[in-house]
C-alpha atoms as a PDB file:
ATOM      1  CA  MET A   1      51.624 258.263 144.849  1.00  0.00           C
ATOM      2  CA  VAL A   2      54.507 255.792 144.622  1.00  0.00           C
ATOM      3  CA  ARG A   3      56.938 258.392 145.984  1.00  0.00           C
ATOM      4  CA  MET A   4      54.637 259.033 148.961  1.00  0.00           C
ATOM      5  CA  LEU A   5      54.273 255.330 149.778  1.00  0.00           C
ATOM      6  CA  VAL A   6      58.023 254.762 149.391  1.00  0.00           C
ATOM      7  CA  GLY A   7      58.625 257.715 151.713  1.00  0.00           C
ATOM      8  CA  PHE A   8      56.328 256.264 154.378  1.00  0.00           C
ATOM      9  CA  ARG A   9      58.108 252.915 154.187  1.00  0.00           C
ATOM     10  CA  LEU A  10      61.584 254.483 154.311  1.00  0.00           C
ATOM     11  CA  ALA A  11      60.540 256.452 157.411  1.00  0.00           C
ATOM     12  CA  GLU A  12      59.204 253.262 158.996  1.00  0.00           C
ATOM     13  CA  TRP A  13      62.562 251.592 158.341  1.00  0.00           C
ATOM     14  CA  GLY A  14      64.547 254.622 159.579  1.00  0.00           C
ATOM     15  CA  LEU A  15      66.097 255.165 156.144  1.00  0.00           C
ATOM     16  CA  GLU A  16      65.096 258.775 155.460  1.00  0.00           C
ATOM     17  CA  ARG A  17      68.728 259.593 154.632  1.00  0.00           C
ATOM     18  CA  VAL A  18      68.469 257.757 151.280  1.00  0.00           C
ATOM     19  CA  ALA A  19      64.992 259.025 150.419  1.00  0.00           C
ATOM     20  CA  GLU A  20      65.991 261.511 147.706  1.00  0.00           C
ATOM     21  CA  ASP A  21      67.939 258.929 145.686  1.00  0.00           C
ATOM     22  CA  VAL A  22      65.193 256.326 146.102  1.00  0.00           C
ATOM     23  CA  TYR A  23      62.529 258.872 145.067  1.00  0.00           C
ATOM     24  CA  LEU A  24      64.479 259.694 141.933  1.00  0.00           C
ATOM     25  CA  VAL A  25      64.909 256.042 140.950  1.00  0.00           C
ATOM     26  CA  ALA A  26      61.257 255.281 141.744  1.00  0.00           C
ATOM     27  CA  GLY A  27      60.145 258.186 139.583  1.00  0.00           C
ATOM     28  CA  GLU A  28      62.261 257.051 136.646  1.00  0.00           C
ATOM     29  CA  LEU A  29      61.162 253.403 136.820  1.00  0.00           C
ATOM     30  CA  VAL A  30      57.484 254.297 137.215  1.00  0.00           C
ATOM     31  CA  ALA A  31      57.598 256.874 134.402  1.00  0.00           C
ATOM     32  CA  ASN A  32      59.198 254.326 132.056  1.00  0.00           C
ATOM     33  CA  ALA A  33      56.601 251.702 132.975  1.00  0.00           C
ATOM     34  CA  VAL A  34      53.666 254.064 132.461  1.00  0.00           C
ATOM     35  CA  GLN A  35      55.010 255.104 129.053  1.00  0.00           C
ATOM     36  CA  SER A  36      55.659 251.488 128.028  1.00  0.00           C
ATOM     37  CA  ALA A  37      52.546 249.744 129.315  1.00  0.00           C
ATOM     38  CA  PRO A  38      49.940 249.443 126.578  1.00  0.00           C
ATOM     39  CA  ASP A  39      47.143 249.151 129.145  1.00  0.00           C
ATOM     40  CA  ARG A  40      48.723 251.585 131.671  1.00  0.00           C
ATOM     41  CA  GLU A  41      48.703 248.865 134.348  1.00  0.00           C
ATOM     42  CA  ILE A  42      51.833 248.798 136.476  1.00  0.00           C
ATOM     43  CA  ARG A  43      52.797 247.108 139.720  1.00  0.00           C
ATOM     44  CA  VAL A  44      55.351 248.247 142.266  1.00  0.00           C
ATOM     45  CA  ARG A  45      57.316 246.217 144.819  1.00  0.00           C
ATOM     46  CA  PHE A  46      59.460 247.822 147.479  1.00  0.00           C
ATOM     47  CA  THR A  47      61.304 245.606 149.965  1.00  0.00           C
ATOM     48  CA  ARG A  48      64.032 245.908 152.565  1.00  0.00           C
ATOM     49  CA  GLU A  49      67.126 243.890 151.707  1.00  0.00           C
ATOM     50  CA  THR A  50      70.422 243.344 153.491  1.00  0.00           C
ATOM     51  CA  GLY A  51      72.386 246.558 152.981  1.00  0.00           C
ATOM     52  CA  GLY A  52      69.663 248.354 151.063  1.00  0.00           C
ATOM     53  CA  VAL A  53      66.232 248.386 149.525  1.00  0.00           C
ATOM     54  CA  LEU A  54      64.909 246.812 146.339  1.00  0.00           C
ATOM     55  CA  LEU A  55      62.485 248.691 144.135  1.00  0.00           C
ATOM     56  CA  ALA A  56      60.828 246.863 141.229  1.00  0.00           C
ATOM     57  CA  VAL A  57      58.218 248.059 138.739  1.00  0.00           C
ATOM     58  CA  TRP A  58      56.233 245.717 136.485  1.00  0.00           C
ATOM     59  CA  ASP A  59      54.536 246.582 133.210  1.00  0.00           C
ATOM     60  CA  SER A  60      52.957 244.449 130.507  1.00  0.00           C
ATOM     61  CA  ALA A  61      55.070 245.756 127.607  1.00  0.00           C
ATOM     62  CA  GLU A  62      57.361 243.423 125.737  1.00  0.00           C
ATOM     63  CA  GLY A  63      61.085 244.056 125.542  1.00  0.00           C
ATOM     64  CA  ALA A  64      63.628 245.468 127.918  1.00  0.00           C
ATOM     65  CA  PRO A  65      64.155 249.193 128.309  1.00  0.00           C
ATOM     66  CA  VAL A  66      67.082 250.596 126.361  1.00  0.00           C
ATOM     67  CA  VAL A  67      69.753 252.736 127.967  1.00  0.00           C
ATOM     68  CA  ARG A  68      70.874 255.618 125.777  1.00  0.00           C
ATOM     69  CA  PRO A  69      74.617 256.018 125.517  1.00  0.00           C
ATOM     70  CA  VAL A  70      76.237 258.682 127.660  1.00  0.00           C
ATOM     71  CA  VAL A  71      77.411 261.585 125.538  1.00  0.00           C
ATOM     72  CA  ALA A  72      79.563 264.376 126.907  1.00  0.00           C
ATOM     73  CA  LEU A  73      78.032 267.757 126.139  1.00  0.00           C
ATOM     74  CA  THR A  74      79.325 271.278 126.361  1.00  0.00           C
ATOM     75  CA  LEU A  75      77.266 274.448 126.599  1.00  0.00           C
ATOM     76  CA  ASP A  76      77.834 274.899 122.864  1.00  0.00           C
ATOM     77  CA  ASP A  77      75.884 271.662 122.264  1.00  0.00           C
ATOM     78  CA  VAL A  78      72.773 272.838 124.124  1.00  0.00           C
ATOM     79  CA  GLU A  79      70.084 274.552 122.073  1.00  0.00           C
ATOM     80  CA  ALA A  80      66.788 276.123 123.091  1.00  0.00           C
ATOM     81  CA  ASP A  81      63.743 273.944 122.428  1.00  0.00           C
ATOM     82  CA  ALA A  82      60.570 276.002 122.056  1.00  0.00           C
ATOM     83  CA  PHE A  83      58.453 272.830 122.233  1.00  0.00           C
ATOM     84  CA  ALA A  84      60.088 271.262 125.307  1.00  0.00           C
ATOM     85  CA  LEU A  85      57.017 271.699 127.527  1.00  0.00           C
ATOM     86  CA  ASP A  86      54.397 270.735 124.940  1.00  0.00           C
ATOM     87  CA  VAL A  87      52.305 267.642 125.635  1.00  0.00           C
ATOM     88  CA  GLY A  88      53.641 264.707 123.641  1.00  0.00           C
ATOM     89  CA  HIS A  89      57.079 266.233 123.083  1.00  0.00           C
ATOM     90  CA  GLU A  90      59.670 263.591 123.894  1.00  0.00           C
ATOM     91  CA  GLU A  91      63.265 264.435 124.641  1.00  0.00           C
ATOM     92  CA  GLY A  92      63.954 262.210 127.645  1.00  0.00           C
ATOM     93  CA  GLY A  93      65.655 258.860 127.572  1.00  0.00           C
ATOM     94  CA  ARG A  94      68.303 259.422 130.200  1.00  0.00           C
ATOM     95  CA  GLY A  95      66.367 258.087 133.176  1.00  0.00           C
ATOM     96  CA  LEU A  96      67.990 254.667 133.083  1.00  0.00           C
ATOM     97  CA  GLN A  97      71.408 256.311 133.211  1.00  0.00           C
ATOM     98  CA  ILE A  98      70.300 257.958 136.464  1.00  0.00           C
ATOM     99  CA  VAL A  99      69.076 254.608 137.789  1.00  0.00           C
ATOM    100  CA  GLN A 100      72.391 252.937 136.909  1.00  0.00           C
ATOM    101  CA  ALA A 101      74.357 255.744 138.573  1.00  0.00           C
ATOM    102  CA  LEU A 102      72.411 255.617 141.854  1.00  0.00           C
ATOM    103  CA  ALA A 103      71.681 251.886 142.191  1.00  0.00           C
ATOM    104  CA  SER A 104      74.166 249.308 143.401  1.00  0.00           C
ATOM    105  CA  ASP A 105      72.632 246.935 140.836  1.00  0.00           C
ATOM    106  CA  CYS A 106      69.704 246.962 138.429  1.00  0.00           C
ATOM    107  CA  GLY A 107      68.175 244.799 135.757  1.00  0.00           C
ATOM    108  CA  VAL A 108      65.153 243.337 134.004  1.00  0.00           C
ATOM    109  CA  ARG A 109      63.346 240.049 134.577  1.00  0.00           C
ATOM    110  CA  GLU A 110      60.788 238.945 131.996  1.00  0.00           C
ATOM    111  CA  THR A 111      57.460 237.549 133.194  1.00  0.00           C
ATOM    112  CA  PRO A 112      56.042 235.181 130.564  1.00  0.00           C
ATOM    113  CA  PRO A 113      53.617 235.251 128.920  1.00  0.00           C
ATOM    114  CA  VAL A 114      53.821 239.080 128.990  1.00  0.00           C
ATOM    115  CA  GLY A 115      55.619 241.854 130.769  1.00  0.00           C
ATOM    116  CA  LYS A 116      58.688 242.368 132.840  1.00  0.00           C
ATOM    117  CA  TRP A 117      59.952 243.586 136.201  1.00  0.00           C
ATOM    118  CA  VAL A 118      62.523 246.382 135.983  1.00  0.00           C
ATOM    119  CA  TRP A 119      64.352 246.583 139.295  1.00  0.00           C
ATOM    120  CA  ALA A 120      66.987 248.569 141.125  1.00  0.00           C
ATOM    121  CA  ALA A 121      68.831 247.722 144.339  1.00  0.00           C
ATOM    122  CA  MET A 122      69.524 250.890 146.312  1.00  0.00           C
ATOM    123  CA  PRO A 123      72.307 250.881 148.915  1.00  0.00           C
ATOM    124  CA  CYS A 124      71.622 252.224 152.402  1.00  0.00           C
END
């Protein structure tokens, strides 16, 4: 749903050319928020800024998301995972690396008494 609404807004602003990158970042931020939020409540802000767009996702969880370190892999390091598609199987954790690679800036702003906004500025 967030991707669809972001797409409508990007089209309204004439910024379809950056849609794929913005969709990817939106998906990562929303997925992290849904996984983190104890009550599954999230909020999304999407605004036009000078030179880009700002996407922010709020959740009520405490603590900032943690970026996993980048590790160079070779094909010899990759192993089959028979449980990769099972519900509850967690292997992710690289979404914030994608956000950092695509965004011109990103960060976290706490919202006392609970929660935080995780945001990414996307260049256009």
